[in-house]
Amino acid sequence: MIGAETNKREYVDYEIEQSKKRDNGLLAIYIHKLKDKSSNTDAKGENPFDYWHTTINGEKKYFSSIYSTYDWVNDDGYKNFGDWVEKAAKQAGR
């Protein structure tokens, strides 16, 4: 889940690293358009996947070009979340 401050959070890199080590499926979801209890929304945060990379066939590939990123509001996360998770799991071979 990507909020305005997500990329600055202490454990985000650790969580991505551990998920990758475990061969978990990865995906990112922007949540900046979700309303809080006062009906306010937040600024769009930076995608942490833009800063992580791996090497595939000798070429540097950023996670943001490998793993899907969605917008909860624009991409109807309430309806599609299960499909997103399933896609990520299949991509990870699960």
PDB file of N, CA and C in Angstrom:
ATOM      1  N   MET A   1       0.849  -1.167   0.000  1.00  0.00           N
ATOM      2  CA  MET A   1       0.000   0.000   0.000  1.00  0.00           C
ATOM      3  C   MET A   1       0.895   1.231   0.000  1.00  0.00           C
ATOM      4  N   ILE A   2       0.712   2.093  -0.965  1.00  0.00           N
ATOM      5  CA  ILE A   2       1.561   3.268  -1.096  1.00  0.00           C
ATOM      6  C   ILE A   2       0.770   4.517  -0.720  1.00  0.00           C
ATOM      7  N   GLY A   3       1.163   5.126   0.383  1.00  0.00           N
ATOM      8  CA  GLY A   3       0.622   6.408   0.807  1.00  0.00           C
ATOM      9  C   GLY A   3       1.667   7.485   0.605  1.00  0.00           C
ATOM     10  N   ALA A   4       1.363   8.675   1.060  1.00  0.00           N
ATOM     11  CA  ALA A   4       2.252   9.822   0.858  1.00  0.00           C
ATOM     12  C   ALA A   4       3.623   9.622   1.495  1.00  0.00           C
ATOM     13  N   GLU A   5       3.690   8.910   2.609  1.00  0.00           N
ATOM     14  CA  GLU A   5       4.944   8.762   3.358  1.00  0.00           C
ATOM     15  C   GLU A   5       5.532   7.345   3.299  1.00  0.00           C
ATOM     16  N   THR A   6       4.916   6.462   2.582  1.00  0.00           N
ATOM     17  CA  THR A   6       5.335   5.057   2.584  1.00  0.00           C
ATOM     18  C   THR A   6       6.812   4.874   2.279  1.00  0.00           C
ATOM     19  N   ASN A   7       7.295   5.535   1.250  1.00  0.00           N
ATOM     20  CA  ASN A   7       8.679   5.328   0.824  1.00  0.00           C
ATOM     21  C   ASN A   7       9.695   5.808   1.856  1.00  0.00           C
ATOM     22  N   LYS A   8       9.251   6.603   2.820  1.00  0.00           N
ATOM     23  CA  LYS A   8      10.137   7.120   3.859  1.00  0.00           C
ATOM     24  C   LYS A   8      10.073   6.285   5.135  1.00  0.00           C
ATOM     25  N   ARG A   9       9.198   5.310   5.190  1.00  0.00           N
ATOM     26  CA  ARG A   9       9.014   4.507   6.395  1.00  0.00           C
ATOM     27  C   ARG A   9      10.193   3.569   6.612  1.00  0.00           C
ATOM     28  N   GLU A  10      10.509   3.375   7.869  1.00  0.00           N
ATOM     29  CA  GLU A  10      11.702   2.629   8.272  1.00  0.00           C
ATOM     30  C   GLU A  10      11.751   1.199   7.747  1.00  0.00           C
ATOM     31  N   TYR A  11      10.641   0.483   7.745  1.00  0.00           N
ATOM     32  CA  TYR A  11      10.679  -0.944   7.445  1.00  0.00           C
ATOM     33  C   TYR A  11      10.228  -1.322   6.039  1.00  0.00           C
ATOM     34  N   VAL A  12       9.910  -0.354   5.208  1.00  0.00           N
ATOM     35  CA  VAL A  12       9.426  -0.668   3.864  1.00  0.00           C
ATOM     36  C   VAL A  12      10.468  -1.442   3.065  1.00  0.00           C
ATOM     37  N   ASP A  13      11.711  -0.981   3.061  1.00  0.00           N
ATOM     38  CA  ASP A  13      12.760  -1.691   2.318  1.00  0.00           C
ATOM     39  C   ASP A  13      12.957  -3.106   2.857  1.00  0.00           C
ATOM     40  N   TYR A  14      12.935  -3.245   4.172  1.00  0.00           N
ATOM     41  CA  TYR A  14      13.082  -4.567   4.784  1.00  0.00           C
ATOM     42  C   TYR A  14      11.947  -5.495   4.339  1.00  0.00           C
ATOM     43  N   GLU A  15      10.729  -4.985   4.329  1.00  0.00           N
ATOM     44  CA  GLU A  15       9.573  -5.807   3.940  1.00  0.00           C
ATOM     45  C   GLU A  15       9.659  -6.236   2.487  1.00  0.00           C
ATOM     46  N   ILE A  16      10.079  -5.329   1.611  1.00  0.00           N
ATOM     47  CA  ILE A  16      10.241  -5.694   0.199  1.00  0.00           C
ATOM     48  C   ILE A  16      11.342  -6.733   0.050  1.00  0.00           C
ATOM     49  N   GLU A  17      12.458  -6.506   0.719  1.00  0.00           N
ATOM     50  CA  GLU A  17      13.587  -7.431   0.643  1.00  0.00           C
ATOM     51  C   GLU A  17      13.194  -8.830   1.131  1.00  0.00           C
ATOM     52  N   GLN A  18      12.526  -8.904   2.246  1.00  0.00           N
ATOM     53  CA  GLN A  18      12.132 -10.203   2.801  1.00  0.00           C
ATOM     54  C   GLN A  18      11.098 -10.900   1.918  1.00  0.00           C
ATOM     55  N   SER A  19      10.169 -10.158   1.368  1.00  0.00           N
ATOM     56  CA  SER A  19       9.177 -10.750   0.470  1.00  0.00           C
ATOM     57  C   SER A  19       9.845 -11.312  -0.773  1.00  0.00           C
ATOM     58  N   LYS A  20      10.815 -10.591  -1.304  1.00  0.00           N
ATOM     59  CA  LYS A  20      11.533 -11.068  -2.486  1.00  0.00           C
ATOM     60  C   LYS A  20      12.336 -12.327  -2.157  1.00  0.00           C
ATOM     61  N   LYS A  21      12.992 -12.340  -0.999  1.00  0.00           N
ATOM     62  CA  LYS A  21      13.764 -13.517  -0.585  1.00  0.00           C
ATOM     63  C   LYS A  21      12.886 -14.754  -0.451  1.00  0.00           C
ATOM     64  N   ARG A  22      11.652 -14.558  -0.028  1.00  0.00           N
ATOM     65  CA  ARG A  22      10.712 -15.673   0.163  1.00  0.00           C
ATOM     66  C   ARG A  22       9.977 -16.043  -1.125  1.00  0.00           C
ATOM     67  N   ASP A  23      10.311 -15.351  -2.206  1.00  0.00           N
ATOM     68  CA  ASP A  23       9.644 -15.560  -3.496  1.00  0.00           C
ATOM     69  C   ASP A  23       8.146 -15.312  -3.407  1.00  0.00           C
ATOM     70  N   ASN A  24       7.756 -14.361  -2.562  1.00  0.00           N
ATOM     71  CA  ASN A  24       6.350 -13.963  -2.491  1.00  0.00           C
ATOM     72  C   ASN A  24       5.982 -13.190  -3.746  1.00  0.00           C
ATOM     73  N   GLY A  25       4.720 -13.188  -4.067  1.00  0.00           N
ATOM     74  CA  GLY A  25       4.237 -12.325  -5.128  1.00  0.00           C
ATOM     75  C   GLY A  25       4.281 -10.887  -4.634  1.00  0.00           C
ATOM     76  N   LEU A  26       4.635  -9.972  -5.499  1.00  0.00           N
ATOM     77  CA  LEU A  26       4.717  -8.566  -5.125  1.00  0.00           C
ATOM     78  C   LEU A  26       3.769  -7.735  -5.982  1.00  0.00           C
ATOM     79  N   LEU A  27       3.172  -6.738  -5.372  1.00  0.00           N
ATOM     80  CA  LEU A  27       2.360  -5.758  -6.060  1.00  0.00           C
ATOM     81  C   LEU A  27       2.332  -4.511  -5.208  1.00  0.00           C
ATOM     82  N   ALA A  28       1.995  -3.397  -5.812  1.00  0.00           N
ATOM     83  CA  ALA A  28       1.912  -2.130  -5.087  1.00  0.00           C
ATOM     84  C   ALA A  28       0.555  -1.496  -5.390  1.00  0.00           C
ATOM     85  N   ILE A  29      -0.005  -0.817  -4.389  1.00  0.00           N
ATOM     86  CA  ILE A  29      -1.316  -0.190  -4.556  1.00  0.00           C
ATOM     87  C   ILE A  29      -1.271   1.222  -3.983  1.00  0.00           C
ATOM     88  N   TYR A  30      -1.524   2.202  -4.836  1.00  0.00           N
ATOM     89  CA  TYR A  30      -1.639   3.580  -4.373  1.00  0.00           C
ATOM     90  C   TYR A  30      -2.957   3.759  -3.626  1.00  0.00           C
ATOM     91  N   ILE A  31      -2.889   4.400  -2.482  1.00  0.00           N
ATOM     92  CA  ILE A  31      -4.094   4.607  -1.661  1.00  0.00           C
ATOM     93  C   ILE A  31      -4.367   6.092  -1.407  1.00  0.00           C
ATOM     94  N   HIS A  32      -3.698   6.976  -2.103  1.00  0.00           N
ATOM     95  CA  HIS A  32      -3.791   8.410  -1.831  1.00  0.00           C
ATOM     96  C   HIS A  32      -5.178   9.010  -2.067  1.00  0.00           C
ATOM     97  N   LYS A  33      -6.007   8.367  -2.849  1.00  0.00           N
ATOM     98  CA  LYS A  33      -7.341   8.908  -3.128  1.00  0.00           C
ATOM     99  C   LYS A  33      -8.412   8.386  -2.166  1.00  0.00           C
ATOM    100  N   LEU A  34      -8.028   7.486  -1.281  1.00  0.00           N
ATOM    101  CA  LEU A  34      -8.989   7.008  -0.284  1.00  0.00           C
ATOM    102  C   LEU A  34      -9.273   8.126   0.714  1.00  0.00           C
ATOM    103  N   LYS A  35     -10.515   8.282   1.081  1.00  0.00           N
ATOM    104  CA  LYS A  35     -10.890   9.332   2.026  1.00  0.00           C
ATOM    105  C   LYS A  35     -10.734   8.844   3.458  1.00  0.00           C
ATOM    106  N   ASP A  36     -10.246   9.739   4.314  1.00  0.00           N
ATOM    107  CA  ASP A  36     -10.156   9.416   5.734  1.00  0.00           C
ATOM    108  C   ASP A  36     -11.493   9.744   6.402  1.00  0.00           C
ATOM    109  N   LYS A  37     -11.553   9.636   7.716  1.00  0.00           N
ATOM    110  CA  LYS A  37     -12.819   9.835   8.436  1.00  0.00           C
ATOM    111  C   LYS A  37     -13.377  11.248   8.273  1.00  0.00           C
ATOM    112  N   SER A  38     -12.529  12.195   7.858  1.00  0.00           N
ATOM    113  CA  SER A  38     -12.971  13.574   7.620  1.00  0.00           C
ATOM    114  C   SER A  38     -13.180  13.857   6.132  1.00  0.00           C
ATOM    115  N   SER A  39     -13.168  12.811   5.329  1.00  0.00           N
ATOM    116  CA  SER A  39     -13.316  12.895   3.871  1.00  0.00           C
ATOM    117  C   SER A  39     -12.158  13.592   3.172  1.00  0.00           C
ATOM    118  N   ASN A  40     -10.999  13.611   3.795  1.00  0.00           N
ATOM    119  CA  ASN A  40      -9.801  14.170   3.182  1.00  0.00           C
ATOM    120  C   ASN A  40      -9.018  13.072   2.470  1.00  0.00           C
ATOM    121  N   THR A  41      -8.285  13.458   1.444  1.00  0.00           N
ATOM    122  CA  THR A  41      -7.380  12.535   0.765  1.00  0.00           C
ATOM    123  C   THR A  41      -5.957  13.050   0.947  1.00  0.00           C
ATOM    124  N   ASP A  42      -4.997  12.261   0.503  1.00  0.00           N
ATOM    125  CA  ASP A  42      -3.592  12.603   0.715  1.00  0.00           C
ATOM    126  C   ASP A  42      -2.887  12.775  -0.624  1.00  0.00           C
ATOM    127  N   ALA A  43      -1.657  13.214  -0.574  1.00  0.00           N
ATOM    128  CA  ALA A  43      -0.829  13.333  -1.775  1.00  0.00           C
ATOM    129  C   ALA A  43      -0.386  11.943  -2.222  1.00  0.00           C
ATOM    130  N   LYS A  44      -0.117  11.797  -3.491  1.00  0.00           N
ATOM    131  CA  LYS A  44       0.367  10.527  -4.025  1.00  0.00           C
ATOM    132  C   LYS A  44       1.820  10.344  -3.613  1.00  0.00           C
ATOM    133  N   GLY A  45       2.130   9.193  -3.043  1.00  0.00           N
ATOM    134  CA  GLY A  45       3.490   8.901  -2.608  1.00  0.00           C
ATOM    135  C   GLY A  45       4.339   8.305  -3.718  1.00  0.00           C
ATOM    136  N   GLU A  46       5.624   8.218  -3.453  1.00  0.00           N
ATOM    137  CA  GLU A  46       6.548   7.598  -4.397  1.00  0.00           C
ATOM    138  C   GLU A  46       6.439   6.082  -4.307  1.00  0.00           C
ATOM    139  N   ASN A  47       6.530   5.436  -5.438  1.00  0.00           N
ATOM    140  CA  ASN A  47       6.476   3.980  -5.488  1.00  0.00           C
ATOM    141  C   ASN A  47       7.837   3.417  -5.067  1.00  0.00           C
ATOM    142  N   PRO A  48       7.902   2.664  -3.963  1.00  0.00           N
ATOM    143  CA  PRO A  48       9.185   2.082  -3.543  1.00  0.00           C
ATOM    144  C   PRO A  48       9.800   1.174  -4.605  1.00  0.00           C
ATOM    145  N   PHE A  49       8.982   0.588  -5.465  1.00  0.00           N
ATOM    146  CA  PHE A  49       9.498  -0.284  -6.515  1.00  0.00           C
ATOM    147  C   PHE A  49      10.357   0.484  -7.521  1.00  0.00           C
ATOM    148  N   ASP A  50      10.225   1.813  -7.560  1.00  0.00           N
ATOM    149  CA  ASP A  50      11.064   2.617  -8.456  1.00  0.00           C
ATOM    150  C   ASP A  50      12.521   2.646  -8.003  1.00  0.00           C
ATOM    151  N   TYR A  51      12.788   2.202  -6.779  1.00  0.00           N
ATOM    152  CA  TYR A  51      14.144   2.247  -6.217  1.00  0.00           C
ATOM    153  C   TYR A  51      14.774   0.862  -6.049  1.00  0.00           C
ATOM    154  N   TRP A  52      14.024  -0.182  -6.290  1.00  0.00           N
ATOM    155  CA  TRP A  52      14.527  -1.549  -6.186  1.00  0.00           C
ATOM    156  C   TRP A  52      14.738  -2.106  -7.579  1.00  0.00           C
ATOM    157  N   HIS A  53      15.816  -2.858  -7.738  1.00  0.00           N
ATOM    158  CA  HIS A  53      16.064  -3.463  -9.045  1.00  0.00           C
ATOM    159  C   HIS A  53      16.693  -4.844  -8.883  1.00  0.00           C
ATOM    160  N   THR A  54      16.681  -5.564  -9.964  1.00  0.00           N
ATOM    161  CA  THR A  54      17.319  -6.863 -10.058  1.00  0.00           C
ATOM    162  C   THR A  54      17.962  -6.940 -11.439  1.00  0.00           C
ATOM    163  N   THR A  55      18.713  -7.979 -11.689  1.00  0.00           N
ATOM    164  CA  THR A  55      19.327  -8.165 -12.997  1.00  0.00           C
ATOM    165  C   THR A  55      18.683  -9.370 -13.669  1.00  0.00           C
ATOM    166  N   ILE A  56      18.186  -9.154 -14.864  1.00  0.00           N
ATOM    167  CA  ILE A  56      17.568 -10.214 -15.653  1.00  0.00           C
ATOM    168  C   ILE A  56      18.273 -10.254 -16.996  1.00  0.00           C
ATOM    169  N   ASN A  57      18.872 -11.415 -17.299  1.00  0.00           N
ATOM    170  CA  ASN A  57      19.628 -11.575 -18.554  1.00  0.00           C
ATOM    171  C   ASN A  57      20.657 -10.459 -18.731  1.00  0.00           C
ATOM    172  N   GLY A  58      21.331 -10.127 -17.635  1.00  0.00           N
ATOM    173  CA  GLY A  58      22.381  -9.127 -17.679  1.00  0.00           C
ATOM    174  C   GLY A  58      21.894  -7.686 -17.740  1.00  0.00           C
ATOM    175  N   GLU A  59      20.600  -7.493 -17.653  1.00  0.00           N
ATOM    176  CA  GLU A  59      20.031  -6.148 -17.751  1.00  0.00           C
ATOM    177  C   GLU A  59      19.386  -5.738 -16.430  1.00  0.00           C
ATOM    178  N   LYS A  60      19.665  -4.534 -15.999  1.00  0.00           N
ATOM    179  CA  LYS A  60      19.084  -3.989 -14.769  1.00  0.00           C
ATOM    180  C   LYS A  60      17.605  -3.679 -15.002  1.00  0.00           C
ATOM    181  N   LYS A  61      16.745  -4.283 -14.178  1.00  0.00           N
ATOM    182  CA  LYS A  61      15.295  -4.087 -14.286  1.00  0.00           C
ATOM    183  C   LYS A  61      14.760  -3.617 -12.937  1.00  0.00           C
ATOM    184  N   TYR A  62      14.080  -2.474 -12.956  1.00  0.00           N
ATOM    185  CA  TYR A  62      13.458  -1.977 -11.734  1.00  0.00           C
ATOM    186  C   TYR A  62      12.183  -2.752 -11.440  1.00  0.00           C
ATOM    187  N   PHE A  63      11.931  -2.955 -10.155  1.00  0.00           N
ATOM    188  CA  PHE A  63      10.741  -3.693  -9.738  1.00  0.00           C
ATOM    189  C   PHE A  63       9.475  -3.075 -10.321  1.00  0.00           C
ATOM    190  N   SER A  64       9.460  -1.757 -10.475  1.00  0.00           N
ATOM    191  CA  SER A  64       8.268  -1.094 -11.011  1.00  0.00           C
ATOM    192  C   SER A  64       7.990  -1.488 -12.463  1.00  0.00           C
ATOM    193  N   SER A  65       8.985  -2.028 -13.160  1.00  0.00           N
ATOM    194  CA  SER A  65       8.751  -2.511 -14.525  1.00  0.00           C
ATOM    195  C   SER A  65       8.449  -4.009 -14.550  1.00  0.00           C
ATOM    196  N   ILE A  66       8.596  -4.668 -13.417  1.00  0.00           N
ATOM    197  CA  ILE A  66       8.371  -6.107 -13.326  1.00  0.00           C
ATOM    198  C   ILE A  66       7.045  -6.420 -12.629  1.00  0.00           C
ATOM    199  N   TYR A  67       6.788  -5.710 -11.534  1.00  0.00           N
ATOM    200  CA  TYR A  67       5.620  -5.980 -10.701  1.00  0.00           C
ATOM    201  C   TYR A  67       4.550  -4.919 -10.914  1.00  0.00           C
ATOM    202  N   SER A  68       3.312  -5.337 -10.863  1.00  0.00           N
ATOM    203  CA  SER A  68       2.191  -4.443 -11.128  1.00  0.00           C
ATOM    204  C   SER A  68       1.969  -3.450 -10.001  1.00  0.00           C
ATOM    205  N   THR A  69       1.557  -2.260 -10.410  1.00  0.00           N
ATOM    206  CA  THR A  69       1.154  -1.210  -9.478  1.00  0.00           C
ATOM    207  C   THR A  69      -0.248  -0.762  -9.864  1.00  0.00           C
ATOM    208  N   TYR A  70      -1.104  -0.640  -8.873  1.00  0.00           N
ATOM    209  CA  TYR A  70      -2.497  -0.276  -9.100  1.00  0.00           C
ATOM    210  C   TYR A  70      -2.853   0.959  -8.288  1.00  0.00           C
ATOM    211  N   ASP A  71      -3.952   1.572  -8.659  1.00  0.00           N
ATOM    212  CA  ASP A  71      -4.534   2.670  -7.891  1.00  0.00           C
ATOM    213  C   ASP A  71      -5.855   2.150  -7.330  1.00  0.00           C
ATOM    214  N   TRP A  72      -5.982   2.136  -6.005  1.00  0.00           N
ATOM    215  CA  TRP A  72      -7.154   1.538  -5.365  1.00  0.00           C
ATOM    216  C   TRP A  72      -8.452   2.147  -5.887  1.00  0.00           C
ATOM    217  N   VAL A  73      -8.495   3.451  -6.031  1.00  0.00           N
ATOM    218  CA  VAL A  73      -9.726   4.114  -6.464  1.00  0.00           C
ATOM    219  C   VAL A  73      -9.922   3.970  -7.972  1.00  0.00           C
ATOM    220  N   ASN A  74      -8.939   4.395  -8.760  1.00  0.00           N
ATOM    221  CA  ASN A  74      -9.090   4.374 -10.224  1.00  0.00           C
ATOM    222  C   ASN A  74      -9.240   2.969 -10.795  1.00  0.00           C
ATOM    223  N   ASP A  75      -8.572   2.002 -10.174  1.00  0.00           N
ATOM    224  CA  ASP A  75      -8.597   0.627 -10.684  1.00  0.00           C
ATOM    225  C   ASP A  75      -9.597  -0.257  -9.945  1.00  0.00           C
ATOM    226  N   ASP A  76     -10.484   0.351  -9.161  1.00  0.00           N
ATOM    227  CA  ASP A  76     -11.549  -0.344  -8.438  1.00  0.00           C
ATOM    228  C   ASP A  76     -11.018  -1.506  -7.602  1.00  0.00           C
ATOM    229  N   GLY A  77     -10.153  -1.137  -6.662  1.00  0.00           N
ATOM    230  CA  GLY A  77      -9.540  -2.136  -5.795  1.00  0.00           C
ATOM    231  C   GLY A  77     -10.522  -2.983  -5.019  1.00  0.00           C
ATOM    232  N   TYR A  78     -11.626  -2.389  -4.613  1.00  0.00           N
ATOM    233  CA  TYR A  78     -12.622  -3.161  -3.863  1.00  0.00           C
ATOM    234  C   TYR A  78     -13.094  -4.364  -4.676  1.00  0.00           C
ATOM    235  N   LYS A  79     -13.280  -4.166  -5.958  1.00  0.00           N
ATOM    236  CA  LYS A  79     -13.754  -5.233  -6.847  1.00  0.00           C
ATOM    237  C   LYS A  79     -12.616  -6.134  -7.327  1.00  0.00           C
ATOM    238  N   ASN A  80     -11.424  -5.573  -7.547  1.00  0.00           N
ATOM    239  CA  ASN A  80     -10.358  -6.289  -8.254  1.00  0.00           C
ATOM    240  C   ASN A  80      -9.206  -6.794  -7.405  1.00  0.00           C
ATOM    241  N   PHE A  81      -9.196  -6.497  -6.114  1.00  0.00           N
ATOM    242  CA  PHE A  81      -8.068  -6.855  -5.260  1.00  0.00           C
ATOM    243  C   PHE A  81      -7.714  -8.342  -5.352  1.00  0.00           C
ATOM    244  N   GLY A  82      -8.684  -9.206  -5.290  1.00  0.00           N
ATOM    245  CA  GLY A  82      -8.429 -10.649  -5.370  1.00  0.00           C
ATOM    246  C   GLY A  82      -7.717 -11.042  -6.653  1.00  0.00           C
ATOM    247  N   ASP A  83      -8.125 -10.449  -7.764  1.00  0.00           N
ATOM    248  CA  ASP A  83      -7.477 -10.728  -9.044  1.00  0.00           C
ATOM    249  C   ASP A  83      -6.033 -10.242  -9.053  1.00  0.00           C
ATOM    250  N   TRP A  84      -5.789  -9.085  -8.431  1.00  0.00           N
ATOM    251  CA  TRP A  84      -4.426  -8.551  -8.364  1.00  0.00           C
ATOM    252  C   TRP A  84      -3.515  -9.475  -7.576  1.00  0.00           C
ATOM    253  N   VAL A  85      -4.022  -9.961  -6.459  1.00  0.00           N
ATOM    254  CA  VAL A  85      -3.242 -10.858  -5.608  1.00  0.00           C
ATOM    255  C   VAL A  85      -2.976 -12.178  -6.343  1.00  0.00           C
ATOM    256  N   GLU A  86      -3.985 -12.676  -7.004  1.00  0.00           N
ATOM    257  CA  GLU A  86      -3.832 -13.919  -7.770  1.00  0.00           C
ATOM    258  C   GLU A  86      -2.791 -13.764  -8.870  1.00  0.00           C
ATOM    259  N   LYS A  87      -2.810 -12.646  -9.572  1.00  0.00           N
ATOM    260  CA  LYS A  87      -1.825 -12.379 -10.621  1.00  0.00           C
ATOM    261  C   LYS A  87      -0.406 -12.338 -10.037  1.00  0.00           C
ATOM    262  N   ALA A  88      -0.246 -11.668  -8.911  1.00  0.00           N
ATOM    263  CA  ALA A  88       1.075 -11.591  -8.278  1.00  0.00           C
ATOM    264  C   ALA A  88       1.557 -12.962  -7.823  1.00  0.00           C
ATOM    265  N   ALA A  89       0.640 -13.762  -7.298  1.00  0.00           N
ATOM    266  CA  ALA A  89       1.002 -15.109  -6.845  1.00  0.00           C
ATOM    267  C   ALA A  89       1.424 -15.987  -8.037  1.00  0.00           C
ATOM    268  N   LYS A  90       0.692 -15.909  -9.110  1.00  0.00           N
ATOM    269  CA  LYS A  90       1.051 -16.680 -10.319  1.00  0.00           C
ATOM    270  C   LYS A  90       2.392 -16.244 -10.884  1.00  0.00           C
ATOM    271  N   GLN A  91       2.642 -14.940 -10.854  1.00  0.00           N
ATOM    272  CA  GLN A  91       3.927 -14.425 -11.338  1.00  0.00           C
ATOM    273  C   GLN A  91       5.071 -14.963 -10.501  1.00  0.00           C
ATOM    274  N   ALA A  92       4.795 -15.204  -9.220  1.00  0.00           N
ATOM    275  CA  ALA A  92       5.823 -15.751  -8.313  1.00  0.00           C
ATOM    276  C   ALA A  92       5.880 -17.280  -8.372  1.00  0.00           C
ATOM    277  N   GLY A  93       5.047 -17.878  -9.211  1.00  0.00           N
ATOM    278  CA  GLY A  93       5.060 -19.334  -9.357  1.00  0.00           C
ATOM    279  C   GLY A  93       4.284 -20.069  -8.294  1.00  0.00           C
ATOM    280  N   ARG A  94       3.305 -19.447  -7.732  1.00  0.00           N
ATOM    281  CA  ARG A  94       2.499 -20.069  -6.670  1.00  0.00           C
ATOM    282  C   ARG A  94       1.106 -20.401  -7.140  1.00  0.00           C
TER     283      ARG A  94
END
